[in-house]
Amino acid sequence: MREYSLFRLQRLLLRRPFLMCDVNLHNNPNDVNEWLTKIALCDKLFVIDANLKAATFMKAISSIDPRAAVGKFSEVWIQFARYYEENPMLMEEDSEGNLENANLVF
């Protein structure tokens, strides 16, 4: 029982920065820098799921109101494009979904 409690505490401590980002984004979903921090944490915390980072980018893009954005909203798009450029396998897997998302933007 004690080992399980220590495991849960350790897991919570590893997720703490990610959870803090969630709290800050709950208070201000238009904070671009906080979204970029959360996206950067996806690499550190969740190495197993490659699609989590893409999903976080998509959530950031859909959550941020460009007129009320705090920071450069274009930076999210730029980093999203770099992410797909660095991971061409993701682009091949979800090419139909990417085309639909691009049509929604334009």
Protein backbone atom coordinates (compact mmCIF):
# COMPACT_ATOMS: atom_id res chain seq x y z
CA MET A 1 0.00 0.00 0.00
CA ARG A 2 2.81 2.39 0.86
CA GLU A 3 4.55 1.68 -2.44
CA TYR A 4 1.37 2.44 -4.34
CA SER A 5 0.99 5.74 -2.49
CA LEU A 6 4.58 6.66 -3.29
CA PHE A 7 4.00 5.76 -6.93
CA ARG A 8 0.93 8.00 -7.08
CA LEU A 9 2.80 10.86 -5.41
CA GLN A 10 5.71 10.48 -7.79
CA ARG A 11 3.37 10.44 -10.78
CA LEU A 12 1.60 13.55 -9.50
CA LEU A 13 4.89 15.37 -9.03
CA LEU A 14 5.93 14.51 -12.59
CA ARG A 15 2.64 15.86 -13.94
CA ARG A 16 2.65 18.99 -11.77
CA PRO A 17 3.97 21.42 -14.44
CA PHE A 18 1.40 20.12 -16.93
CA LEU A 19 -1.40 20.51 -14.39
CA MET A 20 -0.25 24.04 -13.54
CA CYS A 21 -0.46 24.93 -17.24
CA ASP A 22 -4.00 23.57 -17.31
CA VAL A 23 -4.95 25.79 -14.35
CA ASN A 24 -3.39 28.87 -15.95
CA LEU A 25 -5.11 28.14 -19.26
CA HIS A 26 -8.41 27.72 -17.47
CA ASN A 27 -7.97 31.26 -16.15
CA ASN A 28 -6.90 32.70 -19.52
CA PRO A 29 -7.36 30.43 -22.56
CA ASN A 30 -5.99 33.18 -24.85
CA ASP A 31 -2.49 33.16 -23.32
CA VAL A 32 -0.28 32.09 -26.23
CA ASN A 33 2.86 31.70 -24.12
CA GLU A 34 1.10 29.36 -21.71
CA TRP A 35 -0.11 27.23 -24.63
CA LEU A 36 3.44 27.07 -25.99
CA THR A 37 4.65 26.02 -22.54
CA LYS A 38 2.06 23.26 -22.43
CA ILE A 39 3.08 22.08 -25.90
CA ALA A 40 6.73 22.00 -24.85
CA LEU A 41 5.79 19.97 -21.77
CA CYS A 42 4.15 17.35 -23.99
CA ASP A 43 7.65 16.34 -25.13
CA LYS A 44 8.98 16.06 -21.60
CA LEU A 45 6.05 14.38 -19.86
CA PHE A 46 4.36 12.21 -22.45
CA VAL A 47 7.08 10.73 -24.63
CA ILE A 48 4.95 7.71 -25.54
CA ASP A 49 2.06 9.45 -27.33
CA ALA A 50 3.26 11.39 -30.37
CA ASN A 51 -0.26 12.48 -31.28
CA LEU A 52 -0.74 14.25 -27.93
CA LYS A 53 1.42 17.14 -29.07
CA ALA A 54 -0.54 17.51 -32.32
CA ALA A 55 -3.80 17.34 -30.36
CA THR A 56 -2.53 20.04 -28.00
CA PHE A 57 -1.65 22.24 -30.98
CA MET A 58 -5.14 21.75 -32.39
CA LYS A 59 -6.75 22.53 -29.04
CA ALA A 60 -4.62 25.68 -28.71
CA ILE A 61 -5.57 26.86 -32.19
CA SER A 62 -9.25 26.26 -31.57
CA SER A 63 -9.23 27.77 -28.05
CA ILE A 64 -7.33 31.00 -28.69
CA ASP A 65 -9.34 33.96 -29.92
CA PRO A 66 -6.90 35.79 -32.25
CA ARG A 67 -8.37 39.19 -31.35
CA ALA A 68 -7.99 38.59 -27.61
CA ALA A 69 -4.70 36.66 -27.75
CA VAL A 70 -2.01 37.54 -25.25
CA GLY A 71 1.23 37.11 -27.19
CA LYS A 72 1.85 36.29 -30.84
CA PHE A 73 -0.82 33.89 -32.04
CA SER A 74 1.20 33.29 -35.21
CA GLU A 75 3.87 31.60 -33.10
CA VAL A 76 1.49 28.69 -32.42
CA TRP A 77 0.98 28.20 -36.16
CA ILE A 78 4.70 28.47 -36.86
CA GLN A 79 5.60 25.87 -34.25
CA PHE A 80 2.76 23.62 -35.44
CA ALA A 81 4.17 23.76 -38.98
CA ARG A 82 7.67 22.99 -37.68
CA TYR A 83 6.31 20.04 -35.73
CA TYR A 84 4.79 18.52 -38.87
CA GLU A 85 7.94 19.34 -40.82
CA GLU A 86 10.07 17.45 -38.27
CA ASN A 87 7.63 14.50 -38.17
CA PRO A 88 6.64 13.71 -41.77
CA MET A 89 5.14 10.38 -40.72
CA LEU A 90 2.38 12.23 -38.86
CA MET A 91 1.52 14.17 -41.97
CA GLU A 92 1.15 11.00 -44.04
CA GLU A 93 -1.01 9.32 -41.39
CA ASP A 94 -3.45 12.21 -41.10
CA SER A 95 -3.30 13.89 -44.49
CA GLU A 96 -7.08 13.89 -45.00
CA GLY A 97 -7.68 15.44 -41.57
CA ASN A 98 -5.03 18.08 -42.23
CA LEU A 99 -6.70 19.09 -45.48
CA GLU A 100 -10.06 19.45 -43.70
CA ASN A 101 -8.47 21.55 -40.94
CA ALA A 102 -6.74 23.77 -43.49
CA ASN A 103 -10.06 24.34 -45.25
CA LEU A 104 -11.63 25.40 -41.96
CA VAL A 105 -8.92 27.99 -41.41
CA PHE A 106 -9.12 29.50 -44.87
